[in-house]
Protein backbone atom coordinates (compact mmCIF):
# COMPACT_ATOMS: atom_id res chain seq x y z
CA MET A 1 0.00 -0.08 -0.01
CA ARG A 2 2.73 2.36 0.95
CA GLN A 3 4.44 1.63 -2.49
CA VAL A 4 1.12 2.39 -4.18
CA LYS A 5 0.80 5.76 -2.71
CA LEU A 6 4.37 6.62 -3.44
CA LEU A 7 3.81 5.76 -7.08
CA LEU A 8 0.63 7.80 -7.03
CA GLY A 9 2.44 10.70 -5.71
CA PHE A 10 5.20 10.48 -8.12
CA LEU A 11 2.79 10.32 -11.10
CA SER A 12 0.93 13.44 -9.71
CA ILE A 13 4.09 15.54 -9.59
CA ALA A 14 5.33 14.25 -13.07
CA LEU A 15 2.00 15.15 -14.72
CA THR A 16 2.09 18.52 -13.17
CA VAL A 17 5.39 19.25 -14.41
CA PHE A 18 4.56 17.96 -17.80
CA ALA A 19 1.40 20.11 -17.85
CA LEU A 20 3.19 23.27 -16.84
CA ALA A 21 5.95 22.47 -19.69
CA CYS A 22 3.28 21.86 -22.36
CA HIS A 23 1.25 25.15 -21.77
CA SER A 24 4.20 27.40 -21.64
CA GLY A 25 5.19 26.76 -25.11
CA ASN A 26 2.15 26.31 -27.26
CA GLY A 27 -1.05 27.59 -25.88
CA TYR A 28 -2.84 24.34 -25.92
CA SER A 29 -4.92 23.28 -22.85
CA THR A 30 -3.09 21.58 -20.06
CA PRO A 31 -3.58 17.74 -19.81
CA THR A 32 -4.87 16.68 -16.40
CA VAL A 33 -5.80 13.35 -14.97
CA SER A 34 -9.39 12.54 -15.53
CA LYS A 35 -11.52 11.51 -12.31
CA GLU A 36 -12.32 8.46 -13.99
CA LYS A 37 -8.92 7.34 -15.79
CA LEU A 38 -10.25 5.62 -18.60
CA ASN A 39 -13.97 6.86 -18.54
CA LYS A 40 -17.04 5.33 -20.27
CA THR A 41 -16.48 4.87 -24.08
CA LYS A 42 -18.80 4.58 -27.00
CA ASP A 43 -19.47 0.92 -26.47
CA THR A 44 -19.78 0.89 -22.60
CA ASN A 45 -21.35 4.05 -21.57
CA PRO A 46 -24.53 4.11 -19.65
CA TRP A 47 -26.10 7.15 -21.25
CA GLN A 48 -29.04 7.47 -23.51
CA LYS A 49 -28.68 8.81 -27.00
CA LYS A 50 -31.34 11.44 -27.73
CA GLU A 51 -32.58 12.18 -31.22
CA LEU A 52 -31.95 15.78 -32.38
CA PRO A 53 -35.00 17.78 -33.48
CA LYS A 54 -36.09 17.21 -37.06
CA THR A 55 -35.31 21.05 -37.84
CA THR A 56 -31.58 20.42 -37.00
CA ASN A 57 -28.91 21.20 -39.63
CA PRO A 58 -28.00 17.74 -40.92
CA ALA A 59 -24.36 18.65 -40.64
CA LEU A 60 -24.70 18.94 -36.85
CA GLN A 61 -25.40 15.13 -36.56
CA LYS A 62 -22.26 14.31 -38.36
CA VAL A 63 -20.26 16.65 -36.19
CA ILE A 64 -21.48 15.08 -33.23
CA ASP A 65 -21.36 11.37 -34.33
CA TYR A 66 -17.53 11.98 -35.25
CA GLY A 67 -16.93 13.76 -31.90
CA ILE A 68 -18.04 10.67 -30.16
CA GLU A 69 -16.17 8.20 -32.64
CA GLN A 70 -12.93 9.81 -31.87
CA THR A 71 -13.15 7.95 -28.59
CA ASN A 72 -12.36 4.94 -30.50
CA LEU A 73 -9.56 6.46 -32.45
CA THR A 74 -7.65 9.13 -30.33
CA ASN A 75 -6.00 7.65 -27.37
CA GLU A 76 -3.13 10.14 -26.52
CA TYR A 77 -2.63 13.73 -25.66
CA ASP A 78 0.18 15.29 -27.64
CA PRO A 79 0.67 19.04 -27.47
CA ALA A 80 3.92 19.01 -29.59
CA TYR A 81 4.06 21.69 -32.29
CA THR A 82 3.94 19.98 -35.61
CA SER A 83 3.85 21.08 -39.15
CA ILE A 84 0.73 20.11 -40.99
CA PRO A 85 -0.70 20.71 -44.44
CA TYR A 86 -3.04 23.54 -45.38
CA PRO A 87 -5.95 23.42 -45.56
CA ASN A 88 -7.62 20.21 -43.99
CA GLY A 89 -4.20 19.50 -42.19
CA ASP A 90 -4.16 17.25 -39.14
CA VAL A 91 -1.81 15.42 -36.89
CA PRO A 92 -2.12 11.63 -36.77
CA ILE A 93 -5.69 10.65 -35.61
CA GLU A 94 -4.43 8.68 -32.79
CA LYS A 95 -3.18 11.69 -30.96
CA GLY A 96 -3.95 15.41 -30.49
CA VAL A 97 -5.23 18.07 -28.05
CA CYS A 98 -8.48 19.32 -26.87
CA THR A 99 -8.94 21.58 -29.84
CA ASP A 100 -8.43 18.64 -32.44
CA VAL A 101 -11.51 16.96 -31.16
CA VAL A 102 -13.65 20.02 -32.35
CA ILE A 103 -11.52 20.54 -35.48
CA ARG A 104 -12.00 17.09 -36.45
CA ALA A 105 -15.63 16.79 -35.68
CA PHE A 106 -16.40 20.18 -37.61
CA ARG A 107 -14.86 18.76 -40.66
CA LYS A 108 -17.38 16.06 -40.95
CA GLY A 109 -19.80 19.14 -41.08
CA ASN A 110 -17.79 20.61 -43.87
CA VAL A 111 -16.35 23.33 -41.91
CA ASP A 112 -12.59 23.32 -41.92
CA LEU A 113 -11.58 25.47 -38.84
CA GLN A 114 -8.00 25.50 -39.91
CA LYS A 115 -9.00 27.44 -43.08
CA GLU A 116 -11.79 29.58 -41.44
CA VAL A 117 -9.69 30.73 -38.62
CA HIS A 118 -6.65 31.45 -40.83
CA GLU A 119 -8.55 33.51 -43.23
CA ASP A 120 -10.26 35.57 -40.51
CA MET A 121 -7.19 35.95 -38.47
CA LYS A 122 -5.05 36.96 -41.49
CA ALA A 123 -7.52 39.64 -42.33
CA ASN A 124 -8.00 40.83 -38.68
CA PHE A 125 -4.77 39.81 -36.86
CA SER A 126 -4.89 42.76 -34.51
CA VAL A 127 -8.13 41.51 -32.75
CA TYR A 128 -6.75 38.10 -32.04
CA PRO A 129 -4.89 37.16 -28.67
CA LYS A 130 -1.31 38.13 -28.66
CA ILE A 131 -0.57 35.42 -25.78
CA TRP A 132 2.22 33.70 -27.80
CA GLY A 133 4.07 36.89 -29.22
CA LEU A 134 3.36 36.05 -32.73
CA LYS A 135 3.62 38.74 -35.37
CA LYS A 136 2.01 36.80 -38.23
CA THR A 137 -0.44 33.92 -38.72
CA ASP A 138 0.75 30.36 -38.66
CA THR A 139 -1.61 27.69 -40.18
CA ASN A 140 0.11 24.84 -38.30
CA ILE A 141 -1.20 26.07 -34.87
CA ASP A 142 -3.45 29.28 -34.95
CA HIS A 143 -6.80 27.11 -35.17
CA ARG A 144 -5.49 24.66 -32.51
CA ARG A 145 -5.33 27.06 -29.76
CA VAL A 146 -8.38 27.66 -27.55
CA PRO A 147 -8.17 31.50 -27.13
CA ASN A 148 -8.13 31.81 -30.88
CA LEU A 149 -11.24 29.51 -31.36
CA GLN A 150 -12.88 31.58 -28.69
CA LYS A 151 -12.23 34.82 -30.76
CA PHE A 152 -13.22 33.32 -33.95
CA PHE A 153 -16.73 31.91 -32.74
CA ALA A 154 -17.38 35.34 -31.00
CA ARG A 155 -16.45 37.24 -34.08
CA LYS A 156 -18.92 35.06 -36.17
CA GLY A 157 -21.82 35.74 -33.81
CA LYS A 158 -21.91 32.36 -32.49
CA SER A 159 -21.59 33.16 -28.68
CA LEU A 160 -24.08 32.28 -26.12
CA ALA A 161 -24.53 33.26 -22.47
CA VAL A 162 -22.50 31.33 -20.04
CA THR A 163 -24.91 30.14 -17.43
CA ASP A 164 -24.91 27.32 -14.63
CA LYS A 165 -28.05 25.76 -15.97
CA ALA A 166 -27.49 22.38 -17.71
CA GLU A 167 -30.61 22.93 -19.86
CA ASP A 168 -28.81 25.79 -21.68
CA TYR A 169 -26.21 23.50 -23.12
CA LEU A 170 -27.58 21.59 -26.02
CA PRO A 171 -25.93 18.91 -28.44
CA GLY A 172 -23.46 20.39 -30.66
CA ASP A 173 -22.51 23.47 -28.54
CA LEU A 174 -19.06 24.16 -27.65
CA VAL A 175 -17.88 24.85 -24.18
CA THR A 176 -14.68 26.42 -23.04
CA TRP A 177 -13.20 26.39 -19.46
CA ASN A 178 -10.36 27.50 -17.30
CA LEU A 179 -8.93 24.54 -15.67
CA ASN A 180 -7.27 26.49 -12.75
CA ASP A 181 -6.91 29.72 -11.18
CA GLY A 182 -4.16 30.44 -13.85
CA GLY A 183 -6.50 30.54 -16.48
CA LEU A 184 -5.51 27.27 -18.41
CA PRO A 185 -7.95 26.97 -21.38
CA HIS A 186 -9.91 23.86 -22.51
CA ILE A 187 -12.66 23.09 -25.07
CA GLY A 188 -15.19 20.41 -25.42
CA LEU A 189 -18.12 19.38 -27.53
CA VAL A 190 -21.69 18.77 -26.17
CA THR A 191 -22.88 15.29 -27.43
CA ASN A 192 -26.45 14.08 -27.76
CA LEU A 193 -25.72 11.51 -25.19
CA TRP A 194 -27.78 12.12 -22.03
CA SER A 195 -27.22 11.48 -18.31
CA GLU A 196 -30.41 10.67 -16.52
CA GLU A 197 -28.55 10.81 -13.23
CA THR A 198 -27.42 14.45 -13.62
CA LYS A 199 -29.94 15.49 -16.25
CA ARG A 200 -27.27 17.12 -18.76
CA TYR A 201 -25.60 16.17 -21.94
CA ILE A 202 -22.19 14.32 -21.96
CA ILE A 203 -18.94 16.08 -23.10
CA VAL A 204 -16.50 14.68 -25.57
CA HIS A 205 -13.05 16.24 -25.04
CA ASN A 206 -9.39 15.27 -24.82
CA ILE A 207 -7.86 16.41 -21.49
CA GLY A 208 -4.92 14.18 -21.22
CA ALA A 209 -5.86 10.44 -22.16
CA GLY A 210 -7.14 10.96 -25.57
CA ALA A 211 -10.58 11.63 -26.63
CA ARG A 212 -13.12 10.80 -23.83
CA LEU A 213 -16.85 10.91 -22.90
CA GLU A 214 -17.30 12.46 -19.71
CA ASP A 215 -20.21 14.10 -17.62
CA ARG A 216 -18.06 17.18 -16.50
CA LEU A 217 -19.79 20.18 -17.80
CA PHE A 218 -19.50 22.15 -14.62
CA ASP A 219 -16.27 20.65 -13.21
CA TRP A 220 -14.25 23.80 -14.16
CA LYS A 221 -15.09 27.52 -14.67
CA VAL A 222 -17.04 27.77 -17.92
CA THR A 223 -15.59 30.83 -19.76
CA GLY A 224 -17.31 30.37 -23.05
CA HIS A 225 -20.50 28.91 -24.77
CA TYR A 226 -20.79 28.76 -28.58
CA ARG A 227 -23.39 27.39 -30.92
CA TYR A 228 -22.02 27.19 -34.67
CA PHE A 229 -24.64 24.98 -36.47
């Protein structure tokens, strides 16, 4: 038992150091250990899949479905800066960061956030965050940074009110959080999987162990709420 405690303590310290190192260099969200290490997946989850309204944009179902499908494909969190093609560039599907879950899902709805963010950022560079000291756009990484996505969605009129009411967060919505007091950003996609226990929809995100489905809408401070479709 003592050895187990020592091992857990060491892992906690190592993950903290790794998280700080990742965040300081690239602007992705910081990986943290999930409350349920390998949480419920598509094949084993206890949640109810709810049908979308008939008036829903057909693209939205594809976005949500592929968000969920990524839990079977992406099993790593890798924040390394990577050169990728443009447009429709991506890192290998088995790895990525929180923003990659959203980017990949949106492409199934025929929205390439790499291209959309780049074009808007290139034309309006001065209004985008200057957190990383960049003097020009970078198609390898701009769309993979949470603050840039927040600015993009806000500029496109896709922002909704941030509330503490679960019923306000619907399938296909995007949610951003601060993971700690230092303002470490994170983003996830609301699915159409419903928890009868907590009366809210399940989030798909990558916070350190690959794409996961988790009931964590209000686990951190919500900083943004967006509805694109």
